[in-house]
N, C-alpha and C. Protein backbone atom coordinates (compact mmCIF):
# COMPACT_ATOMS: atom_id res chain seq x y z
N MET A 1 -111.35 25.98 57.77
CA MET A 1 -110.82 27.14 57.09
C MET A 1 -111.98 28.08 56.73
N ARG A 2 -111.76 29.35 56.94
CA ARG A 2 -112.77 30.35 56.62
C ARG A 2 -112.87 30.57 55.12
N ARG A 3 -114.10 30.80 54.67
CA ARG A 3 -114.30 31.12 53.26
C ARG A 3 -113.90 32.57 53.04
N PRO A 4 -113.09 32.86 52.01
CA PRO A 4 -112.75 34.26 51.72
C PRO A 4 -113.87 34.99 50.99
N TYR A 5 -114.16 36.18 51.47
CA TYR A 5 -115.14 37.05 50.84
C TYR A 5 -114.54 38.42 50.60
N LEU A 6 -114.72 38.92 49.40
CA LEU A 6 -114.44 40.31 49.09
C LEU A 6 -115.75 41.04 49.32
N LEU A 7 -115.76 42.03 50.18
CA LEU A 7 -116.97 42.78 50.48
C LEU A 7 -117.11 43.94 49.50
N ASP A 8 -118.25 44.03 48.83
CA ASP A 8 -118.43 45.21 47.98
C ASP A 8 -118.61 46.42 48.89
N VAL A 9 -118.61 47.60 48.32
CA VAL A 9 -118.59 48.82 49.14
C VAL A 9 -119.82 48.91 50.04
N ASN A 10 -120.99 48.52 49.54
CA ASN A 10 -122.18 48.62 50.38
C ASN A 10 -122.14 47.65 51.54
N ALA A 11 -121.63 46.46 51.31
CA ALA A 11 -121.49 45.49 52.40
C ALA A 11 -120.49 45.99 53.43
N LEU A 12 -119.38 46.56 52.98
CA LEU A 12 -118.36 47.07 53.89
C LEU A 12 -118.89 48.27 54.68
N VAL A 13 -119.57 49.18 54.02
CA VAL A 13 -120.15 50.34 54.70
C VAL A 13 -121.21 49.88 55.70
N GLY A 14 -122.08 48.95 55.28
CA GLY A 14 -123.11 48.44 56.16
C GLY A 14 -122.55 47.72 57.37
N LEU A 15 -121.47 47.03 57.18
CA LEU A 15 -120.84 46.29 58.27
C LEU A 15 -120.18 47.22 59.28
N ILE A 16 -119.49 48.23 58.82
CA ILE A 16 -118.69 49.08 59.70
C ILE A 16 -119.49 50.19 60.37
N TRP A 17 -120.40 50.83 59.65
CA TRP A 17 -121.12 51.98 60.22
C TRP A 17 -122.47 51.54 60.80
N ASN A 18 -122.66 51.72 62.09
CA ASN A 18 -123.91 51.29 62.73
C ASN A 18 -125.10 52.18 62.36
N VAL A 19 -124.88 53.33 61.74
CA VAL A 19 -125.99 54.19 61.30
C VAL A 19 -126.51 53.79 59.92
N HIS A 20 -125.84 52.87 59.25
CA HIS A 20 -126.27 52.42 57.93
C HIS A 20 -127.55 51.61 58.06
N SER A 21 -128.47 51.81 57.12
CA SER A 21 -129.78 51.15 57.20
C SER A 21 -129.69 49.62 57.16
N LEU A 22 -128.63 49.07 56.59
CA LEU A 22 -128.49 47.62 56.50
C LEU A 22 -127.40 47.07 57.43
N HIS A 23 -127.07 47.86 58.45
CA HIS A 23 -126.04 47.45 59.41
C HIS A 23 -126.41 46.12 60.08
N GLY A 24 -127.66 45.97 60.48
CA GLY A 24 -128.09 44.75 61.14
C GLY A 24 -127.94 43.53 60.25
N LYS A 25 -128.36 43.64 58.99
CA LYS A 25 -128.24 42.53 58.04
C LYS A 25 -126.78 42.17 57.80
N ALA A 26 -125.97 43.18 57.59
CA ALA A 26 -124.55 42.93 57.31
C ALA A 26 -123.88 42.26 58.51
N ASN A 27 -124.18 42.73 59.70
CA ASN A 27 -123.56 42.16 60.89
C ASN A 27 -124.07 40.76 61.20
N ALA A 28 -125.35 40.49 60.96
CA ALA A 28 -125.88 39.15 61.17
C ALA A 28 -125.20 38.15 60.23
N TRP A 29 -125.05 38.55 58.96
CA TRP A 29 -124.36 37.71 57.99
C TRP A 29 -122.91 37.48 58.42
N PHE A 30 -122.25 38.55 58.82
CA PHE A 30 -120.83 38.48 59.20
C PHE A 30 -120.64 37.56 60.41
N ALA A 31 -121.52 37.67 61.39
CA ALA A 31 -121.43 36.83 62.60
C ALA A 31 -121.64 35.36 62.26
N GLN A 32 -122.53 35.09 61.31
CA GLN A 32 -122.81 33.72 60.91
C GLN A 32 -121.67 33.13 60.08
N GLU A 33 -121.20 33.88 59.10
CA GLU A 33 -120.17 33.39 58.18
C GLU A 33 -118.76 33.38 58.78
N ARG A 34 -118.47 34.40 59.58
CA ARG A 34 -117.12 34.58 60.12
C ARG A 34 -116.06 34.43 59.02
N PRO A 35 -116.19 35.24 57.96
CA PRO A 35 -115.33 35.04 56.79
C PRO A 35 -113.92 35.58 56.97
N GLU A 36 -113.05 35.09 56.12
CA GLU A 36 -111.80 35.78 55.87
C GLU A 36 -112.20 36.91 54.93
N VAL A 37 -111.75 38.11 55.19
CA VAL A 37 -112.13 39.26 54.36
C VAL A 37 -110.97 39.62 53.44
N LEU A 38 -111.29 39.68 52.16
CA LEU A 38 -110.32 40.15 51.17
C LEU A 38 -110.56 41.64 50.98
N GLY A 39 -109.51 42.39 50.94
CA GLY A 39 -109.61 43.82 50.67
C GLY A 39 -108.71 44.18 49.50
N CYS A 40 -108.99 45.30 48.89
CA CYS A 40 -108.15 45.78 47.80
C CYS A 40 -108.26 47.30 47.76
N ALA A 41 -107.43 47.92 46.95
CA ALA A 41 -107.44 49.38 46.86
C ALA A 41 -108.82 49.89 46.44
N LEU A 42 -109.47 49.20 45.53
CA LEU A 42 -110.78 49.64 45.04
C LEU A 42 -111.82 49.63 46.15
N THR A 43 -111.90 48.56 46.94
CA THR A 43 -112.91 48.49 48.00
C THR A 43 -112.58 49.44 49.14
N GLU A 44 -111.31 49.57 49.49
CA GLU A 44 -110.95 50.46 50.58
C GLU A 44 -111.21 51.92 50.22
N LEU A 45 -110.81 52.32 49.03
CA LEU A 45 -111.04 53.71 48.61
C LEU A 45 -112.53 53.99 48.42
N SER A 46 -113.27 53.02 47.92
CA SER A 46 -114.71 53.19 47.76
C SER A 46 -115.39 53.33 49.12
N PHE A 47 -114.92 52.58 50.12
CA PHE A 47 -115.47 52.71 51.47
C PHE A 47 -115.30 54.15 51.98
N ILE A 48 -114.11 54.70 51.81
CA ILE A 48 -113.85 56.06 52.27
C ILE A 48 -114.71 57.06 51.50
N ARG A 49 -114.80 56.90 50.18
CA ARG A 49 -115.60 57.80 49.34
C ARG A 49 -117.06 57.79 49.76
N VAL A 50 -117.64 56.60 49.91
CA VAL A 50 -119.06 56.50 50.27
C VAL A 50 -119.29 57.00 51.69
N SER A 51 -118.38 56.71 52.59
CA SER A 51 -118.52 57.17 53.98
C SER A 51 -118.54 58.69 54.07
N MET A 52 -117.80 59.34 53.21
CA MET A 52 -117.78 60.80 53.18
C MET A 52 -119.01 61.36 52.46
N ALA A 53 -119.49 60.67 51.42
CA ALA A 53 -120.60 61.19 50.61
C ALA A 53 -121.97 60.92 51.21
N ASP A 54 -122.12 59.84 51.93
CA ASP A 54 -123.42 59.47 52.50
C ASP A 54 -123.80 60.47 53.59
N ARG A 55 -124.96 61.09 53.45
CA ARG A 55 -125.39 62.13 54.40
C ARG A 55 -125.65 61.59 55.80
N THR A 56 -126.04 60.34 55.91
CA THR A 56 -126.27 59.75 57.23
C THR A 56 -124.96 59.52 57.96
N ILE A 57 -123.95 59.07 57.24
CA ILE A 57 -122.64 58.80 57.85
C ILE A 57 -121.86 60.11 57.98
N ALA A 58 -121.72 60.84 56.90
CA ALA A 58 -121.06 62.14 56.85
C ALA A 58 -119.70 62.14 57.55
N ALA A 59 -118.90 61.11 57.27
CA ALA A 59 -117.57 61.02 57.87
C ALA A 59 -116.60 61.94 57.16
N THR A 60 -115.61 62.39 57.89
CA THR A 60 -114.50 63.09 57.27
C THR A 60 -113.57 62.03 56.69
N PHE A 61 -112.62 62.47 55.89
CA PHE A 61 -111.63 61.55 55.34
C PHE A 61 -110.92 60.81 56.47
N ALA A 62 -110.52 61.55 57.49
CA ALA A 62 -109.81 60.94 58.62
C ALA A 62 -110.69 59.95 59.37
N GLU A 63 -111.95 60.30 59.60
CA GLU A 63 -112.86 59.40 60.33
C GLU A 63 -113.10 58.10 59.55
N ALA A 64 -113.30 58.23 58.25
CA ALA A 64 -113.51 57.04 57.43
C ALA A 64 -112.27 56.16 57.42
N GLY A 65 -111.12 56.79 57.29
CA GLY A 65 -109.86 56.04 57.31
C GLY A 65 -109.63 55.34 58.64
N GLU A 66 -109.97 56.02 59.73
CA GLU A 66 -109.82 55.42 61.06
C GLU A 66 -110.79 54.27 61.26
N ALA A 67 -112.02 54.40 60.79
CA ALA A 67 -113.00 53.33 60.91
C ALA A 67 -112.55 52.09 60.14
N LEU A 68 -112.04 52.31 58.94
CA LEU A 68 -111.55 51.20 58.13
C LEU A 68 -110.35 50.55 58.80
N ALA A 69 -109.41 51.36 59.30
CA ALA A 69 -108.22 50.82 59.96
C ALA A 69 -108.61 50.02 61.20
N ALA A 70 -109.59 50.50 61.96
CA ALA A 70 -110.04 49.77 63.16
C ALA A 70 -110.66 48.43 62.77
N PHE A 71 -111.43 48.40 61.69
CA PHE A 71 -112.02 47.15 61.21
C PHE A 71 -110.93 46.17 60.81
N ILE A 72 -109.95 46.64 60.03
CA ILE A 72 -108.86 45.78 59.57
C ILE A 72 -108.07 45.25 60.76
N GLU A 73 -107.80 46.10 61.73
CA GLU A 73 -107.06 45.68 62.92
C GLU A 73 -107.85 44.64 63.71
N ALA A 74 -109.15 44.85 63.85
CA ALA A 74 -110.00 43.90 64.58
C ALA A 74 -110.05 42.54 63.87
N MET A 75 -109.94 42.55 62.55
CA MET A 75 -109.95 41.30 61.79
C MET A 75 -108.67 40.49 62.00
N GLY A 76 -107.58 41.18 62.36
CA GLY A 76 -106.32 40.48 62.55
C GLY A 76 -105.90 39.75 61.29
N GLY A 77 -105.54 38.50 61.46
CA GLY A 77 -105.09 37.69 60.33
C GLY A 77 -106.19 37.27 59.38
N ALA A 78 -107.44 37.61 59.69
CA ALA A 78 -108.56 37.24 58.84
C ALA A 78 -108.85 38.30 57.78
N TYR A 79 -107.98 39.33 57.67
CA TYR A 79 -108.10 40.33 56.62
C TYR A 79 -106.88 40.20 55.73
N ARG A 80 -107.12 39.99 54.45
CA ARG A 80 -106.01 39.84 53.50
C ARG A 80 -106.15 40.86 52.39
N PHE A 81 -105.15 41.72 52.26
CA PHE A 81 -105.15 42.74 51.22
C PHE A 81 -104.61 42.14 49.93
N VAL A 82 -105.38 42.30 48.86
CA VAL A 82 -104.99 41.78 47.55
C VAL A 82 -104.17 42.85 46.83
N GLU A 83 -102.93 42.54 46.59
CA GLU A 83 -102.02 43.45 45.88
C GLU A 83 -102.12 43.20 44.37
N GLY A 84 -101.62 44.13 43.61
CA GLY A 84 -101.47 43.93 42.17
C GLY A 84 -102.76 43.58 41.45
N LEU A 85 -103.70 44.51 41.45
CA LEU A 85 -104.98 44.27 40.81
C LEU A 85 -104.81 44.09 39.30
N PRO A 86 -105.57 43.16 38.71
CA PRO A 86 -105.49 42.97 37.26
C PRO A 86 -106.13 44.13 36.52
N GLY A 87 -105.79 44.26 35.27
CA GLY A 87 -106.33 45.33 34.44
C GLY A 87 -107.73 45.03 33.94
N ALA A 88 -108.25 45.95 33.16
CA ALA A 88 -109.62 45.85 32.63
C ALA A 88 -109.80 44.62 31.72
N ARG A 89 -108.71 44.11 31.20
CA ARG A 89 -108.80 42.93 30.32
C ARG A 89 -109.45 41.74 31.04
N THR A 90 -109.45 41.77 32.35
CA THR A 90 -110.11 40.72 33.15
C THR A 90 -111.57 40.56 32.76
N LEU A 91 -112.18 41.63 32.27
CA LEU A 91 -113.60 41.60 31.95
C LEU A 91 -113.91 41.23 30.50
N ARG A 92 -112.88 41.01 29.70
CA ARG A 92 -113.12 40.62 28.30
C ARG A 92 -113.92 39.33 28.25
N GLY A 93 -114.95 39.33 27.42
CA GLY A 93 -115.77 38.14 27.25
C GLY A 93 -116.86 37.96 28.29
N LYS A 94 -116.94 38.88 29.24
CA LYS A 94 -117.98 38.80 30.27
C LYS A 94 -119.24 39.49 29.77
N SER A 95 -120.35 39.17 30.37
CA SER A 95 -121.65 39.72 29.95
C SER A 95 -121.92 41.07 30.60
N ILE A 96 -121.14 42.06 30.22
CA ILE A 96 -121.31 43.41 30.75
C ILE A 96 -122.45 44.06 29.98
N ARG A 97 -123.55 44.35 30.69
CA ARG A 97 -124.72 44.95 30.04
C ARG A 97 -124.77 46.46 30.21
N THR A 98 -124.41 46.96 31.40
CA THR A 98 -124.48 48.39 31.67
C THR A 98 -123.23 48.83 32.41
N HIS A 99 -123.10 50.13 32.56
CA HIS A 99 -121.96 50.68 33.28
C HIS A 99 -121.92 50.19 34.73
N LYS A 100 -123.08 49.85 35.28
CA LYS A 100 -123.14 49.37 36.66
C LYS A 100 -122.47 48.01 36.83
N ASP A 101 -122.42 47.23 35.76
CA ASP A 101 -121.81 45.91 35.83
C ASP A 101 -120.29 45.95 35.91
N VAL A 102 -119.67 47.02 35.47
CA VAL A 102 -118.22 47.05 35.34
C VAL A 102 -117.52 46.79 36.67
N SER A 103 -117.76 47.62 37.67
CA SER A 103 -117.10 47.43 38.97
C SER A 103 -117.57 46.15 39.64
N ASP A 104 -118.88 45.86 39.56
CA ASP A 104 -119.42 44.67 40.20
C ASP A 104 -118.77 43.40 39.64
N PHE A 105 -118.72 43.29 38.33
CA PHE A 105 -118.13 42.10 37.71
C PHE A 105 -116.62 42.04 37.97
N TYR A 106 -115.98 43.19 37.97
CA TYR A 106 -114.54 43.22 38.25
C TYR A 106 -114.28 42.65 39.65
N LEU A 107 -115.06 43.10 40.64
CA LEU A 107 -114.87 42.61 42.00
C LEU A 107 -115.20 41.12 42.10
N CYS A 108 -116.22 40.68 41.39
CA CYS A 108 -116.54 39.25 41.38
C CYS A 108 -115.39 38.43 40.80
N GLU A 109 -114.83 38.89 39.70
CA GLU A 109 -113.71 38.19 39.07
C GLU A 109 -112.49 38.20 39.99
N LEU A 110 -112.25 39.31 40.67
CA LEU A 110 -111.13 39.40 41.61
C LEU A 110 -111.32 38.42 42.76
N ALA A 111 -112.52 38.38 43.32
CA ALA A 111 -112.81 37.45 44.41
C ALA A 111 -112.60 36.01 43.96
N ALA A 112 -113.14 35.67 42.79
CA ALA A 112 -113.02 34.31 42.28
C ALA A 112 -111.56 33.92 42.03
N ALA A 113 -110.76 34.86 41.57
CA ALA A 113 -109.34 34.60 41.33
C ALA A 113 -108.59 34.28 42.62
N HIS A 114 -109.17 34.68 43.75
CA HIS A 114 -108.56 34.41 45.06
C HIS A 114 -109.38 33.38 45.84
N ARG A 115 -110.07 32.52 45.08
CA ARG A 115 -110.89 31.42 45.63
C ARG A 115 -111.94 31.91 46.62
N GLY A 116 -112.47 33.10 46.33
CA GLY A 116 -113.48 33.68 47.20
C GLY A 116 -114.75 34.02 46.46
N ARG A 117 -115.59 34.74 47.15
CA ARG A 117 -116.88 35.19 46.64
C ARG A 117 -117.01 36.67 46.94
N LEU A 118 -117.88 37.35 46.21
CA LEU A 118 -118.20 38.74 46.50
C LEU A 118 -119.43 38.76 47.39
N ALA A 119 -119.32 39.36 48.56
CA ALA A 119 -120.47 39.53 49.45
C ALA A 119 -121.05 40.91 49.16
N THR A 120 -122.36 40.94 48.91
CA THR A 120 -123.00 42.20 48.50
C THR A 120 -124.39 42.35 49.09
N LEU A 121 -124.79 43.57 49.27
CA LEU A 121 -126.15 43.91 49.66
C LEU A 121 -126.99 44.29 48.45
N ASP A 122 -126.42 44.16 47.26
CA ASP A 122 -127.05 44.56 46.00
C ASP A 122 -127.64 43.34 45.30
N THR A 123 -128.96 43.28 45.22
CA THR A 123 -129.63 42.15 44.57
C THR A 123 -129.46 42.18 43.05
N GLY A 124 -128.97 43.29 42.53
CA GLY A 124 -128.86 43.43 41.09
C GLY A 124 -127.61 42.82 40.49
N ILE A 125 -126.68 42.34 41.28
CA ILE A 125 -125.45 41.77 40.73
C ILE A 125 -125.72 40.34 40.29
N LYS A 126 -125.65 40.13 38.99
CA LYS A 126 -125.92 38.81 38.40
C LYS A 126 -124.62 38.20 37.90
N HIS A 127 -123.88 37.63 38.82
CA HIS A 127 -122.59 37.01 38.51
C HIS A 127 -122.49 35.75 39.37
N PRO A 128 -121.94 34.67 38.84
CA PRO A 128 -121.88 33.43 39.61
C PRO A 128 -121.05 33.51 40.91
N ALA A 129 -120.17 34.51 41.04
CA ALA A 129 -119.34 34.62 42.24
C ALA A 129 -119.92 35.60 43.26
N ALA A 130 -121.14 36.09 43.04
CA ALA A 130 -121.75 37.06 43.95
C ALA A 130 -122.72 36.35 44.91
N ASP A 131 -122.60 36.67 46.19
CA ASP A 131 -123.51 36.17 47.20
C ASP A 131 -124.23 37.36 47.83
N PHE A 132 -125.54 37.33 47.76
CA PHE A 132 -126.37 38.39 48.35
C PHE A 132 -126.46 38.18 49.86
N ILE A 133 -126.21 39.24 50.61
CA ILE A 133 -126.37 39.24 52.06
C ILE A 133 -127.78 39.68 52.33
N GLY A 134 -128.60 38.81 52.80
CA GLY A 134 -129.96 39.23 53.03
C GLY A 134 -130.66 38.34 53.96
C-alpha cells in the first residue's frame, strides 16, 4: 500500500513545473516514494496562485488549472481529494509561533488525520507529520 502524502504548495509546484528550481528534487523524491497524493481545496488553490505569481512560471489561471488537472489525471486512483476541511479549531493547543506556522501546521494536521504525512521542500516546518523532500 502506498503511503499517503499531502504535498504542500512548494512541493506541488516543484513537482509539476519543470522550470521550478527544485523540480529535480521533487521528482526524484516522487519517483522513489510513489506516494498516494492527498489533495484539498487549500493545496489546489495555492498551486494555482503560486503558479500565476511566480515570475519563472508565469502561468495564466487556465494554464495552472490545466497543469494541475493533468497531474491529477496522471495520478489516476493514486490522487485522493480530501473533502470537508476542518475549521481553525484543529490548531488549538498546537505550538503556533508565527503566522508562517498556521497553514503549515494546518496541512500537517490534515495529513495526519488521513493517516498521511506532509511532503515539503521547506526545512522550516517543525511538525512531527512533516517530511522534508531533500
